[in-house]
Amino acid sequence: MKADTVTSFEHIPVLYQATLDGLAVRAGGTYIDGTLGGGGHTAGMLERGAARVLGIDQDPAALQAVAERLAVYGDRLTLAHGNFRQIATIAREHGFAAVDGILLDIGVSSHQLDVGARGFSFAQDAPLDMRMNPTEGVTAADLVNTLPEEQLANIIFQYGEERASRRIARRIVERRKAAPITRTAELAELVVRALGGRKDERINPATRTFQALRIAVNDELGALEEALPAATECLAVEGRLAVITFHSLEDRIVKEFMRREAAICMLPPRLFAEQCPHLVDRGAGPRPCIYITSRDCDYAPRLTPVTHKPIVAGDPELKANPRSRSAKLRIAQRIAVEPR
C-alpha cells in the first residue's frame, strides 16, 4: 500500500525502510515504481539520490497528487499513466532500460481506501465502483448486478477466501431482482445479513467480499502475473525486483515466480535424472534443462533470491500503521544469463 523521513506525506508507506534497503537504492541509480500510489517509496528513492525514477499508476488522481508533492525533484521524476502490467512498454517509451531496481506494491492504495467516493470501502456509503482506473472498465456494481450466481460465488470464494460465498451470492441475486445494488453500504449490509448478522472482533464480515470484488474488477492477479516477467526484463544485471503483497494469492504468485526464475532445472525432480541431457554428475543435482532427452536446452535462471522468506512489519510499524499487518515483501536480483 501506497518515514528515514517521509517528508511531506500524510500516509506512511508500508515496509518503507526494508523496501529501500532491499532495493539497494543508491545515488545515481535508475528505478521504477510500478505502483506509485501516494509516492512515499518514490520519494525515498529520490531522497537517497536516485538519478531518475519512473512512477507508474493507473489512477490519474494519484499521478496529479504526486506531481504536486514531488515537484521539487524536477526531471529526476517521470510520471506515467498506465497499469503496471504494461511496465515494459511504458519503461521503453520513457527511456528507462536496464534499471537498477523496480518496486511493485500490489493492491489498493491508502488514498483510494480513504476516499469514500471511490467505493473501495464500506466505511463510507458510496457508489459501488472499486476501479483503480476510474476512466475505464467495469465497476463492482456491474459485477454484482450482472454475473450469474455461480460465477459470483466463485469470485467471492477464490479471491476473498470466503467460505460462505454461495450463500452471499444467492442473497445478492435475490436482492438484485427487486432493484440493482449500487451502494457500498447496501452491499455490506446484505453480506452481514447473509452471514446471519455475525460480528467478528477483528474483521467486518463484508471485508472478504469487498476484497474479492476489488480484485476481480481490476484483474489484479492477472496484472501481477503479466508484470513480473516484464519487470524482470527491465532490470540490469544485479538490478533488484521488490514486490509487496497484501493477500495470500498475490504472495503465492510472487513466491512461485521468483522460485521458478531462480530454479536450476524446470523438470520435476523425479524426472531429471532420466531426462536431462546436461546432467553430468547425477550426485550433484540437475543442470538447467526443460526438455526431454535428445533436445538441447535454452533455459537459464534469470533471478537469484535476496529474501528466502518474506519480510513483514515489526511491532513498531504495526502500531504506527495497522494497514501493514498483512504486508509481505519479497526481493530477487537479476543475474547474468550465461550463453550456451
C-alpha atoms as a PDB file:
ATOM      1  CA  MET A   1       0.000   0.000   0.000  1.00  0.00           C
ATOM      2  CA  LYS A   2       0.795   3.066  -1.127  1.00  0.00           C
ATOM      3  CA  ALA A   3       9.276   7.650   7.498  1.00  0.00           C
ATOM      4  CA  ASP A   4      14.360   7.589   7.434  1.00  0.00           C
ATOM      5  CA  THR A   5      11.967  10.527   6.740  1.00  0.00           C
ATOM      6  CA  VAL A   6       8.686  10.525   4.913  1.00  0.00           C
ATOM      7  CA  THR A   7       8.817  14.237   4.396  1.00  0.00           C
ATOM      8  CA  SER A   8       5.533  15.677   3.123  1.00  0.00           C
ATOM      9  CA  PHE A   9       3.289  12.601   3.035  1.00  0.00           C
ATOM     10  CA  GLU A  10       0.189  12.131   5.117  1.00  0.00           C
ATOM     11  CA  HIS A  11       0.265   8.355   4.767  1.00  0.00           C
ATOM     12  CA  ILE A  12       3.041   6.018   5.868  1.00  0.00           C
ATOM     13  CA  PRO A  13       4.500   3.804   3.117  1.00  0.00           C
ATOM     14  CA  VAL A  14       4.411   0.146   4.103  1.00  0.00           C
ATOM     15  CA  LEU A  15       7.770  -1.534   4.822  1.00  0.00           C
ATOM     16  CA  TYR A  16       9.476   1.723   3.849  1.00  0.00           C
ATOM     17  CA  GLN A  17      12.981   1.124   5.168  1.00  0.00           C
ATOM     18  CA  ALA A  18      13.021  -2.570   4.290  1.00  0.00           C
ATOM     19  CA  THR A  19      11.966  -1.816   0.720  1.00  0.00           C
ATOM     20  CA  LEU A  20      14.549   0.895   0.075  1.00  0.00           C
ATOM     21  CA  ASP A  21      17.280  -1.177   1.722  1.00  0.00           C
ATOM     22  CA  GLY A  22      16.209  -4.281  -0.174  1.00  0.00           C
ATOM     23  CA  LEU A  23      16.309  -2.413  -3.476  1.00  0.00           C
ATOM     24  CA  ALA A  24      19.798  -1.187  -2.501  1.00  0.00           C
ATOM     25  CA  VAL A  25      18.828   2.301  -3.683  1.00  0.00           C
ATOM     26  CA  ARG A  26      21.995   4.234  -4.473  1.00  0.00           C
ATOM     27  CA  ALA A  27      22.947   7.691  -5.679  1.00  0.00           C
ATOM     28  CA  GLY A  28      22.965   7.887  -9.452  1.00  0.00           C
ATOM     29  CA  GLY A  29      20.797   4.786  -9.963  1.00  0.00           C
ATOM     30  CA  THR A  30      17.631   4.497 -12.041  1.00  0.00           C
ATOM     31  CA  TYR A  31      14.448   2.976 -10.621  1.00  0.00           C
ATOM     32  CA  ILE A  32      10.824   2.245 -11.461  1.00  0.00           C
ATOM     33  CA  ASP A  33       7.939   2.396  -9.018  1.00  0.00           C
ATOM     34  CA  GLY A  34       5.350   0.417 -10.933  1.00  0.00           C
ATOM     35  CA  THR A  35       2.573   1.179  -8.442  1.00  0.00           C
ATOM     36  CA  LEU A  36       3.128   4.795  -7.449  1.00  0.00           C
ATOM     37  CA  GLY A  37       0.182   5.262  -5.069  1.00  0.00           C
ATOM     38  CA  GLY A  38       0.907   8.105  -2.660  1.00  0.00           C
ATOM     39  CA  GLY A  39       4.526   8.306  -3.829  1.00  0.00           C
ATOM     40  CA  GLY A  40       6.105   7.546  -0.461  1.00  0.00           C
ATOM     41  CA  HIS A  41       8.517   4.902  -1.711  1.00  0.00           C
ATOM     42  CA  THR A  42       9.342   7.007  -4.767  1.00  0.00           C
ATOM     43  CA  ALA A  43      10.150   9.958  -2.508  1.00  0.00           C
ATOM     44  CA  GLY A  44      12.503   7.696  -0.562  1.00  0.00           C
ATOM     45  CA  MET A  45      14.321   6.662  -3.737  1.00  0.00           C
ATOM     46  CA  LEU A  46      14.793  10.299  -4.740  1.00  0.00           C
ATOM     47  CA  GLU A  47      15.889  11.300  -1.243  1.00  0.00           C
ATOM     48  CA  ARG A  48      18.577   8.608  -1.410  1.00  0.00           C
ATOM     49  CA  GLY A  49      19.969  10.163  -4.563  1.00  0.00           C
ATOM     50  CA  ALA A  50      18.372   8.192  -7.407  1.00  0.00           C
ATOM     51  CA  ALA A  51      19.229   9.929 -10.660  1.00  0.00           C
ATOM     52  CA  ARG A  52      15.886   9.089 -12.262  1.00  0.00           C
ATOM     53  CA  VAL A  53      12.677   7.433 -11.105  1.00  0.00           C
ATOM     54  CA  LEU A  54       9.741   6.416 -13.272  1.00  0.00           C
ATOM     55  CA  GLY A  55       6.454   6.342 -11.342  1.00  0.00           C
ATOM     56  CA  ILE A  56       3.561   4.446 -12.928  1.00  0.00           C
ATOM     57  CA  ASP A  57      -0.038   4.459 -11.749  1.00  0.00           C
ATOM     58  CA  GLN A  58      -3.405   3.785 -13.356  1.00  0.00           C
ATOM     59  CA  ASP A  59      -5.139   6.332 -11.115  1.00  0.00           C
ATOM     60  CA  PRO A  60      -4.953   9.864 -12.574  1.00  0.00           C
ATOM     61  CA  ALA A  61      -5.668  11.359  -9.135  1.00  0.00           C
ATOM     62  CA  ALA A  62      -2.574   9.656  -7.701  1.00  0.00           C
ATOM     63  CA  LEU A  63      -0.380  10.971 -10.511  1.00  0.00           C
ATOM     64  CA  GLN A  64      -1.648  14.526 -10.058  1.00  0.00           C
ATOM     65  CA  ALA A  65      -1.133  14.467  -6.284  1.00  0.00           C
ATOM     66  CA  VAL A  66       2.402  13.070  -6.540  1.00  0.00           C
ATOM     67  CA  ALA A  67       3.314  15.529  -9.302  1.00  0.00           C
ATOM     68  CA  GLU A  68       2.471  18.362  -6.916  1.00  0.00           C
ATOM     69  CA  ARG A  69       4.115  16.822  -3.853  1.00  0.00           C
ATOM     70  CA  LEU A  70       7.363  15.879  -5.592  1.00  0.00           C
ATOM     71  CA  ALA A  71       7.674  18.821  -7.975  1.00  0.00           C
ATOM     72  CA  VAL A  72      10.895  19.793  -6.201  1.00  0.00           C
ATOM     73  CA  TYR A  73      12.677  16.855  -7.879  1.00  0.00           C
ATOM     74  CA  GLY A  74      12.063  18.235 -11.357  1.00  0.00           C
ATOM     75  CA  ASP A  75      13.017  15.991 -14.260  1.00  0.00           C
ATOM     76  CA  ARG A  76      14.517  13.368 -11.963  1.00  0.00           C
ATOM     77  CA  LEU A  77      10.930  12.108 -11.630  1.00  0.00           C
ATOM     78  CA  THR A  78       8.934  10.913 -14.632  1.00  0.00           C
ATOM     79  CA  LEU A  79       5.256  10.069 -14.164  1.00  0.00           C
ATOM     80  CA  ALA A  80       3.247   7.825 -16.476  1.00  0.00           C
ATOM     81  CA  HIS A  81      -0.410   6.816 -16.563  1.00  0.00           C
ATOM     82  CA  GLY A  82      -0.897   3.090 -17.053  1.00  0.00           C
ATOM     83  CA  ASN A  83      -1.252  -0.334 -15.485  1.00  0.00           C
ATOM     84  CA  PHE A  84       1.888  -1.955 -14.137  1.00  0.00           C
ATOM     85  CA  ARG A  85       1.182  -4.980 -16.350  1.00  0.00           C
ATOM     86  CA  GLN A  86       2.403  -2.658 -19.165  1.00  0.00           C
ATOM     87  CA  ILE A  87       5.642  -1.839 -17.341  1.00  0.00           C
ATOM     88  CA  ALA A  88       7.987  -2.927 -20.140  1.00  0.00           C
ATOM     89  CA  THR A  89       6.223  -0.822 -22.766  1.00  0.00           C
ATOM     90  CA  ILE A  90       5.933   2.219 -20.510  1.00  0.00           C
ATOM     91  CA  ALA A  91       9.591   1.966 -19.443  1.00  0.00           C
ATOM     92  CA  ARG A  92      10.724   1.760 -23.054  1.00  0.00           C
ATOM     93  CA  GLU A  93       8.593   4.756 -24.075  1.00  0.00           C
ATOM     94  CA  HIS A  94      10.191   6.907 -21.351  1.00  0.00           C
ATOM     95  CA  GLY A  95      13.784   5.800 -21.849  1.00  0.00           C
ATOM     96  CA  PHE A  96      14.120   3.510 -18.824  1.00  0.00           C
ATOM     97  CA  ALA A  97      16.128   0.466 -19.866  1.00  0.00           C
ATOM     98  CA  ALA A  98      18.255  -1.851 -17.722  1.00  0.00           C
ATOM     99  CA  VAL A  99      17.235  -0.153 -14.465  1.00  0.00           C
ATOM    100  CA  ASP A 100      18.772  -0.740 -11.042  1.00  0.00           C
ATOM    101  CA  GLY A 101      15.558  -1.572  -9.233  1.00  0.00           C
ATOM    102  CA  ILE A 102      11.806  -1.990  -9.599  1.00  0.00           C
ATOM    103  CA  LEU A 103       9.126  -1.846  -6.909  1.00  0.00           C
ATOM    104  CA  LEU A 104       5.657  -3.339  -7.262  1.00  0.00           C
ATOM    105  CA  ASP A 105       3.399  -2.541  -4.296  1.00  0.00           C
ATOM    106  CA  ILE A 106       0.309  -4.616  -5.037  1.00  0.00           C
ATOM    107  CA  GLY A 107      -3.250  -3.810  -4.046  1.00  0.00           C
ATOM    108  CA  VAL A 108      -5.306  -0.762  -3.255  1.00  0.00           C
ATOM    109  CA  SER A 109      -3.559   2.395  -2.046  1.00  0.00           C
ATOM    110  CA  SER A 110      -4.257   4.135   1.250  1.00  0.00           C
ATOM    111  CA  HIS A 111      -5.622   7.139  -0.636  1.00  0.00           C
ATOM    112  CA  GLN A 112      -8.097   5.006  -2.559  1.00  0.00           C
ATOM    113  CA  LEU A 113      -9.310   3.390   0.645  1.00  0.00           C
ATOM    114  CA  ASP A 114      -9.665   6.711   2.416  1.00  0.00           C
ATOM    115  CA  VAL A 115     -11.609   8.463  -0.342  1.00  0.00           C
ATOM    116  CA  GLY A 116     -15.075   7.048   0.238  1.00  0.00           C
ATOM    117  CA  ALA A 117     -16.407   8.113  -3.148  1.00  0.00           C
ATOM    118  CA  ARG A 118     -14.182   5.537  -4.860  1.00  0.00           C
ATOM    119  CA  GLY A 119     -16.284   2.729  -3.389  1.00  0.00           C
ATOM    120  CA  PHE A 120     -13.406   0.532  -2.180  1.00  0.00           C
ATOM    121  CA  SER A 121     -14.576   0.519   1.425  1.00  0.00           C
ATOM    122  CA  PHE A 122     -17.874   0.228   3.260  1.00  0.00           C
ATOM    123  CA  ALA A 123     -16.633   2.634   5.932  1.00  0.00           C
ATOM    124  CA  GLN A 124     -18.487   5.335   3.996  1.00  0.00           C
ATOM    125  CA  ASP A 125     -21.572   4.870   1.847  1.00  0.00           C
ATOM    126  CA  ALA A 126     -20.633   5.489  -1.780  1.00  0.00           C
ATOM    127  CA  PRO A 127     -21.273   4.272  -5.328  1.00  0.00           C
ATOM    128  CA  LEU A 128     -20.163   0.659  -5.723  1.00  0.00           C
ATOM    129  CA  ASP A 129     -17.245   1.342  -8.081  1.00  0.00           C
ATOM    130  CA  MET A 130     -13.816  -0.029  -6.970  1.00  0.00           C
ATOM    131  CA  ARG A 131     -11.969   0.746 -10.218  1.00  0.00           C
ATOM    132  CA  MET A 132      -8.361   1.764  -9.654  1.00  0.00           C
ATOM    133  CA  ASN A 133      -8.525   3.442 -13.050  1.00  0.00           C
ATOM    134  CA  PRO A 134     -11.847   5.290 -12.909  1.00  0.00           C
ATOM    135  CA  THR A 135     -11.668   6.125 -16.607  1.00  0.00           C
ATOM    136  CA  GLU A 136     -12.322   2.616 -17.931  1.00  0.00           C
ATOM    137  CA  GLY A 137     -13.556  -0.884 -17.194  1.00  0.00           C
ATOM    138  CA  VAL A 138     -16.491  -2.450 -15.379  1.00  0.00           C
ATOM    139  CA  THR A 139     -17.438  -1.470 -11.833  1.00  0.00           C
ATOM    140  CA  ALA A 140     -18.203  -3.651  -8.826  1.00  0.00           C
ATOM    141  CA  ALA A 141     -21.862  -2.720  -9.333  1.00  0.00           C
ATOM    142  CA  ASP A 142     -21.666  -4.124 -12.858  1.00  0.00           C
ATOM    143  CA  LEU A 143     -20.409  -7.435 -11.494  1.00  0.00           C
ATOM    144  CA  VAL A 144     -22.890  -7.868  -8.639  1.00  0.00           C
ATOM    145  CA  ASN A 145     -25.818  -6.964 -10.867  1.00  0.00           C
ATOM    146  CA  THR A 146     -24.972  -8.985 -13.978  1.00  0.00           C
ATOM    147  CA  LEU A 147     -22.868 -12.039 -13.167  1.00  0.00           C
ATOM    148  CA  PRO A 148     -24.563 -15.442 -12.846  1.00  0.00           C
ATOM    149  CA  GLU A 149     -24.862 -16.679  -9.269  1.00  0.00           C
ATOM    150  CA  GLU A 150     -22.269 -19.436  -9.670  1.00  0.00           C
ATOM    151  CA  GLN A 151     -19.674 -17.117 -11.180  1.00  0.00           C
ATOM    152  CA  LEU A 152     -20.260 -14.548  -8.454  1.00  0.00           C
ATOM    153  CA  ALA A 153     -19.865 -17.219  -5.776  1.00  0.00           C
ATOM    154  CA  ASN A 154     -16.623 -18.420  -7.366  1.00  0.00           C
ATOM    155  CA  ILE A 155     -15.167 -14.900  -7.343  1.00  0.00           C
ATOM    156  CA  ILE A 156     -16.050 -14.366  -3.690  1.00  0.00           C
ATOM    157  CA  PHE A 157     -14.633 -17.751  -2.725  1.00  0.00           C
ATOM    158  CA  GLN A 158     -11.456 -17.637  -4.808  1.00  0.00           C
ATOM    159  CA  TYR A 159     -10.425 -14.006  -4.306  1.00  0.00           C
ATOM    160  CA  GLY A 160     -11.953 -13.407  -0.890  1.00  0.00           C
ATOM    161  CA  GLU A 161     -11.432 -16.876   0.574  1.00  0.00           C
ATOM    162  CA  GLU A 162     -14.962 -16.574   1.929  1.00  0.00           C
ATOM    163  CA  ARG A 163     -16.393 -19.965   2.926  1.00  0.00           C
ATOM    164  CA  ALA A 164     -19.971 -18.672   2.764  1.00  0.00           C
ATOM    165  CA  SER A 165     -19.567 -17.444  -0.800  1.00  0.00           C
ATOM    166  CA  ARG A 166     -22.530 -19.383  -2.187  1.00  0.00           C
ATOM    167  CA  ARG A 167     -24.859 -18.040   0.468  1.00  0.00           C
ATOM    168  CA  ILE A 168     -23.721 -14.486  -0.198  1.00  0.00           C
ATOM    169  CA  ALA A 169     -24.039 -14.864  -3.966  1.00  0.00           C
ATOM    170  CA  ARG A 170     -27.540 -16.276  -3.568  1.00  0.00           C
ATOM    171  CA  ARG A 171     -28.612 -13.278  -1.442  1.00  0.00           C
ATOM    172  CA  ILE A 172     -27.126 -10.852  -3.956  1.00  0.00           C
ATOM    173  CA  VAL A 173     -29.033 -12.424  -6.831  1.00  0.00           C
ATOM    174  CA  GLU A 174     -32.275 -12.422  -4.823  1.00  0.00           C
ATOM    175  CA  ARG A 175     -31.853  -8.750  -3.861  1.00  0.00           C
ATOM    176  CA  ARG A 176     -30.992  -7.501  -7.344  1.00  0.00           C
ATOM    177  CA  LYS A 177     -34.235  -8.915  -8.733  1.00  0.00           C
ATOM    178  CA  ALA A 178     -36.046  -6.136  -6.908  1.00  0.00           C
ATOM    179  CA  ALA A 179     -33.583  -3.364  -7.754  1.00  0.00           C
ATOM    180  CA  PRO A 180     -29.910  -3.024  -8.726  1.00  0.00           C
ATOM    181  CA  ILE A 181     -27.355  -2.934  -5.908  1.00  0.00           C
ATOM    182  CA  THR A 182     -25.463   0.322  -6.389  1.00  0.00           C
ATOM    183  CA  ARG A 183     -24.136   1.441  -2.972  1.00  0.00           C
ATOM    184  CA  THR A 184     -21.348   0.129  -0.731  1.00  0.00           C
ATOM    185  CA  ALA A 185     -23.481   0.299   2.413  1.00  0.00           C
ATOM    186  CA  GLU A 186     -26.245  -1.671   0.726  1.00  0.00           C
ATOM    187  CA  LEU A 187     -23.892  -4.478  -0.283  1.00  0.00           C
ATOM    188  CA  ALA A 188     -22.163  -4.551   3.109  1.00  0.00           C
ATOM    189  CA  GLU A 189     -25.490  -4.851   4.922  1.00  0.00           C
ATOM    190  CA  LEU A 190     -26.603  -7.606   2.566  1.00  0.00           C
ATOM    191  CA  VAL A 191     -23.419  -9.609   3.241  1.00  0.00           C
ATOM    192  CA  VAL A 192     -23.748  -9.245   7.006  1.00  0.00           C
ATOM    193  CA  ARG A 193     -27.354 -10.424   6.850  1.00  0.00           C
ATOM    194  CA  ALA A 194     -26.374 -13.348   4.616  1.00  0.00           C
ATOM    195  CA  LEU A 195     -23.902 -14.406   7.289  1.00  0.00           C
ATOM    196  CA  GLY A 196     -26.539 -14.290   9.975  1.00  0.00           C
ATOM    197  CA  GLY A 197     -25.584 -10.859  11.232  1.00  0.00           C
ATOM    198  CA  ARG A 198     -22.484 -12.267  12.893  1.00  0.00           C
ATOM    199  CA  LYS A 199     -19.911  -9.842  14.245  1.00  0.00           C
ATOM    200  CA  ASP A 200     -16.214 -10.581  14.137  1.00  0.00           C
ATOM    201  CA  GLU A 201     -13.909  -8.808  16.559  1.00  0.00           C
ATOM    202  CA  ARG A 202     -11.071  -8.460  14.047  1.00  0.00           C
ATOM    203  CA  ILE A 203     -12.720  -8.102  10.683  1.00  0.00           C
ATOM    204  CA  ASN A 204     -16.048  -6.904   9.348  1.00  0.00           C
ATOM    205  CA  PRO A 205     -17.968  -9.790   7.727  1.00  0.00           C
ATOM    206  CA  ALA A 206     -18.171  -7.874   4.437  1.00  0.00           C
ATOM    207  CA  THR A 207     -14.403  -7.386   4.135  1.00  0.00           C
ATOM    208  CA  ARG A 208     -13.677 -10.582   2.209  1.00  0.00           C
ATOM    209  CA  THR A 209     -16.489  -9.987  -0.285  1.00  0.00           C
ATOM    210  CA  PHE A 210     -15.333  -6.410  -0.943  1.00  0.00           C
ATOM    211  CA  GLN A 211     -11.768  -7.612  -1.378  1.00  0.00           C
ATOM    212  CA  ALA A 212     -12.846 -10.273  -3.860  1.00  0.00           C
ATOM    213  CA  LEU A 213     -14.838  -7.819  -5.950  1.00  0.00           C
ATOM    214  CA  ARG A 214     -11.978  -5.320  -5.982  1.00  0.00           C
ATOM    215  CA  ILE A 215      -9.534  -7.961  -7.204  1.00  0.00           C
ATOM    216  CA  ALA A 216     -11.960  -9.071  -9.911  1.00  0.00           C
ATOM    217  CA  VAL A 217     -12.832  -5.534 -11.064  1.00  0.00           C
ATOM    218  CA  ASN A 218      -9.168  -4.631 -11.519  1.00  0.00           C
ATOM    219  CA  ASP A 219      -7.922  -8.067 -12.655  1.00  0.00           C
ATOM    220  CA  GLU A 220      -5.200  -7.672 -10.042  1.00  0.00           C
ATOM    221  CA  LEU A 221      -3.880 -11.229 -10.167  1.00  0.00           C
ATOM    222  CA  GLY A 222      -3.766 -11.289 -13.957  1.00  0.00           C
ATOM    223  CA  ALA A 223      -1.921  -7.969 -13.969  1.00  0.00           C
ATOM    224  CA  LEU A 224       0.598  -9.286 -11.434  1.00  0.00           C
ATOM    225  CA  GLU A 225       1.263 -12.436 -13.466  1.00  0.00           C
ATOM    226  CA  GLU A 226       1.994 -10.295 -16.532  1.00  0.00           C
ATOM    227  CA  ALA A 227       4.026  -7.671 -14.699  1.00  0.00           C
ATOM    228  CA  LEU A 228       6.538  -9.975 -13.000  1.00  0.00           C
ATOM    229  CA  PRO A 229       8.275 -11.321 -16.136  1.00  0.00           C
ATOM    230  CA  ALA A 230       8.006  -7.928 -17.843  1.00  0.00           C
ATOM    231  CA  ALA A 231       9.655  -6.210 -14.862  1.00  0.00           C
ATOM    232  CA  THR A 232      12.427  -8.807 -14.804  1.00  0.00           C
ATOM    233  CA  GLU A 233      13.225  -7.988 -18.420  1.00  0.00           C
ATOM    234  CA  CYS A 234      13.602  -4.302 -17.490  1.00  0.00           C
ATOM    235  CA  LEU A 235      16.303  -4.966 -14.879  1.00  0.00           C
ATOM    236  CA  ALA A 236      20.019  -4.549 -15.397  1.00  0.00           C
ATOM    237  CA  VAL A 237      22.277  -7.353 -14.213  1.00  0.00           C
ATOM    238  CA  GLU A 238      22.347  -7.079 -10.393  1.00  0.00           C
ATOM    239  CA  GLY A 239      19.196  -4.939 -10.542  1.00  0.00           C
ATOM    240  CA  ARG A 240      16.606  -5.840  -7.915  1.00  0.00           C
ATOM    241  CA  LEU A 241      12.888  -6.573  -8.039  1.00  0.00           C
ATOM    242  CA  ALA A 242      10.951  -5.869  -4.830  1.00  0.00           C
ATOM    243  CA  VAL A 243       7.295  -6.888  -4.544  1.00  0.00           C
ATOM    244  CA  ILE A 244       4.968  -6.060  -1.645  1.00  0.00           C
ATOM    245  CA  THR A 245       1.770  -8.095  -1.422  1.00  0.00           C
ATOM    246  CA  PHE A 246      -1.206  -7.987   0.953  1.00  0.00           C
ATOM    247  CA  HIS A 247      -3.044 -11.182   0.064  1.00  0.00           C
ATOM    248  CA  SER A 248      -2.050 -14.847   0.151  1.00  0.00           C
ATOM    249  CA  LEU A 249      -2.977 -15.322  -3.510  1.00  0.00           C
ATOM    250  CA  GLU A 250      -0.707 -12.448  -4.551  1.00  0.00           C
ATOM    251  CA  ASP A 251       2.149 -13.659  -2.379  1.00  0.00           C
ATOM    252  CA  ARG A 252       1.860 -17.178  -3.805  1.00  0.00           C
ATOM    253  CA  ILE A 253       2.172 -15.833  -7.361  1.00  0.00           C
ATOM    254  CA  VAL A 254       5.279 -13.819  -6.442  1.00  0.00           C
ATOM    255  CA  LYS A 255       6.839 -16.673  -4.474  1.00  0.00           C
ATOM    256  CA  GLU A 256       6.332 -19.176  -7.295  1.00  0.00           C
ATOM    257  CA  PHE A 257       7.586 -16.745  -9.945  1.00  0.00           C
ATOM    258  CA  MET A 258      10.797 -15.996  -8.072  1.00  0.00           C
ATOM    259  CA  ARG A 259      11.313 -19.679  -7.289  1.00  0.00           C
ATOM    260  CA  ARG A 260      10.795 -20.598 -10.932  1.00  0.00           C
ATOM    261  CA  GLU A 261      13.101 -17.871 -12.233  1.00  0.00           C
ATOM    262  CA  ALA A 262      15.832 -18.971  -9.822  1.00  0.00           C
ATOM    263  CA  ALA A 263      15.430 -22.704 -10.462  1.00  0.00           C
ATOM    264  CA  ILE A 264      18.401 -24.692 -11.715  1.00  0.00           C
ATOM    265  CA  CYS A 265      16.084 -27.047 -13.557  1.00  0.00           C
ATOM    266  CA  MET A 266      12.481 -26.813 -14.704  1.00  0.00           C
ATOM    267  CA  LEU A 267      11.902 -30.571 -14.796  1.00  0.00           C
ATOM    268  CA  PRO A 268      10.140 -32.235 -11.875  1.00  0.00           C
ATOM    269  CA  PRO A 269      12.783 -33.738  -9.530  1.00  0.00           C
ATOM    270  CA  ARG A 270      11.680 -37.326 -10.162  1.00  0.00           C
ATOM    271  CA  LEU A 271      12.307 -36.953 -13.890  1.00  0.00           C
ATOM    272  CA  PHE A 272      15.528 -35.001 -14.187  1.00  0.00           C
ATOM    273  CA  ALA A 273      17.935 -37.932 -13.801  1.00  0.00           C
ATOM    274  CA  GLU A 274      16.426 -39.773 -16.755  1.00  0.00           C
ATOM    275  CA  GLN A 275      15.537 -36.830 -18.976  1.00  0.00           C
ATOM    276  CA  CYS A 276      18.085 -34.044 -18.529  1.00  0.00           C
ATOM    277  CA  PRO A 277      20.852 -34.251 -21.161  1.00  0.00           C
ATOM    278  CA  HIS A 278      23.014 -31.788 -19.228  1.00  0.00           C
ATOM    279  CA  LEU A 279      23.146 -33.880 -16.062  1.00  0.00           C
ATOM    280  CA  VAL A 280      26.838 -34.693 -15.890  1.00  0.00           C
ATOM    281  CA  ASP A 281      27.085 -35.760 -12.270  1.00  0.00           C
ATOM    282  CA  ARG A 282      23.950 -37.475 -11.027  1.00  0.00           C
ATOM    283  CA  GLY A 283      25.078 -36.974  -7.471  1.00  0.00           C
ATOM    284  CA  ALA A 284      25.352 -33.215  -7.854  1.00  0.00           C
ATOM    285  CA  GLY A 285      21.808 -32.459  -8.953  1.00  0.00           C
ATOM    286  CA  PRO A 286      20.347 -31.292 -12.271  1.00  0.00           C
ATOM    287  CA  ARG A 287      21.748 -28.772 -14.710  1.00  0.00           C
ATOM    288  CA  PRO A 288      19.375 -26.181 -16.269  1.00  0.00           C
ATOM    289  CA  CYS A 289      17.030 -28.010 -18.639  1.00  0.00           C
ATOM    290  CA  ILE A 290      13.368 -28.095 -19.618  1.00  0.00           C
ATOM    291  CA  TYR A 291      13.474 -30.559 -22.500  1.00  0.00           C
ATOM    292  CA  ILE A 292      13.384 -34.326 -22.762  1.00  0.00           C
ATOM    293  CA  THR A 293      16.484 -36.294 -23.807  1.00  0.00           C
ATOM    294  CA  SER A 294      17.885 -35.609 -27.301  1.00  0.00           C
ATOM    295  CA  ARG A 295      16.884 -31.929 -27.296  1.00  0.00           C
ATOM    296  CA  ASP A 296      19.202 -29.133 -26.299  1.00  0.00           C
ATOM    297  CA  CYS A 297      18.291 -26.648 -23.582  1.00  0.00           C
ATOM    298  CA  ASP A 298      17.526 -22.926 -23.856  1.00  0.00           C
ATOM    299  CA  TYR A 299      16.528 -22.386 -20.222  1.00  0.00           C
ATOM    300  CA  ALA A 300      18.658 -20.470 -17.738  1.00  0.00           C
ATOM    301  CA  PRO A 301      17.777 -18.818 -14.412  1.00  0.00           C
ATOM    302  CA  ARG A 302      17.321 -15.041 -14.502  1.00  0.00           C
ATOM    303  CA  LEU A 303      16.935 -14.273 -10.801  1.00  0.00           C
ATOM    304  CA  THR A 304      18.547 -15.166  -7.514  1.00  0.00           C
ATOM    305  CA  PRO A 305      16.624 -14.669  -4.269  1.00  0.00           C
ATOM    306  CA  VAL A 306      17.652 -11.873  -1.910  1.00  0.00           C
ATOM    307  CA  THR A 307      14.987 -12.842   0.624  1.00  0.00           C
ATOM    308  CA  HIS A 308      14.305 -16.537   1.176  1.00  0.00           C
ATOM    309  CA  LYS A 309      11.358 -15.712   3.425  1.00  0.00           C
ATOM    310  CA  PRO A 310       9.098 -12.683   3.104  1.00  0.00           C
ATOM    311  CA  ILE A 311       9.896  -9.580   5.151  1.00  0.00           C
ATOM    312  CA  VAL A 312       6.970  -8.480   7.332  1.00  0.00           C
ATOM    313  CA  ALA A 313       6.318  -5.440   9.500  1.00  0.00           C
ATOM    314  CA  GLY A 314       7.696  -5.384  13.026  1.00  0.00           C
ATOM    315  CA  ASP A 315       5.799  -4.288  16.114  1.00  0.00           C
ATOM    316  CA  PRO A 316       6.728  -0.578  15.857  1.00  0.00           C
ATOM    317  CA  GLU A 317       5.418  -0.352  12.290  1.00  0.00           C
ATOM    318  CA  LEU A 318       2.299  -2.346  13.121  1.00  0.00           C
ATOM    319  CA  LYS A 319       1.482   0.133  15.890  1.00  0.00           C
ATOM    320  CA  ALA A 320       2.159   3.153  13.679  1.00  0.00           C
ATOM    321  CA  ASN A 321       0.431   1.758  10.589  1.00  0.00           C
ATOM    322  CA  PRO A 322      -2.097  -1.072  11.157  1.00  0.00           C
ATOM    323  CA  ARG A 323      -2.535  -1.472   7.386  1.00  0.00           C
ATOM    324  CA  SER A 324       0.929  -3.040   7.273  1.00  0.00           C
ATOM    325  CA  ARG A 325      -0.225  -6.131   9.186  1.00  0.00           C
ATOM    326  CA  SER A 326      -0.723  -8.276   6.081  1.00  0.00           C
ATOM    327  CA  ALA A 327       2.152  -6.868   4.007  1.00  0.00           C
ATOM    328  CA  LYS A 328       4.852  -9.236   2.741  1.00  0.00           C
ATOM    329  CA  LEU A 329       7.966  -8.124   0.897  1.00  0.00           C
ATOM    330  CA  ARG A 330       9.945 -10.444  -1.391  1.00  0.00           C
ATOM    331  CA  ILE A 331      13.106  -9.402  -3.241  1.00  0.00           C
ATOM    332  CA  ALA A 332      15.135 -11.018  -6.013  1.00  0.00           C
ATOM    333  CA  GLN A 333      18.161  -9.901  -8.018  1.00  0.00           C
ATOM    334  CA  ARG A 334      18.725 -10.181 -11.755  1.00  0.00           C
ATOM    335  CA  ILE A 335      21.680 -12.365 -12.739  1.00  0.00           C
ATOM    336  CA  ALA A 336      23.557 -12.694 -15.985  1.00  0.00           C
ATOM    337  CA  VAL A 337      22.321 -15.435 -18.288  1.00  0.00           C
ATOM    338  CA  GLU A 338      25.312 -17.473 -19.372  1.00  0.00           C
ATOM    339  CA  PRO A 339      25.483 -18.147 -23.133  1.00  0.00           C
ATOM    340  CA  ARG A 340      25.176 -21.781 -24.220  1.00  0.00           C
END
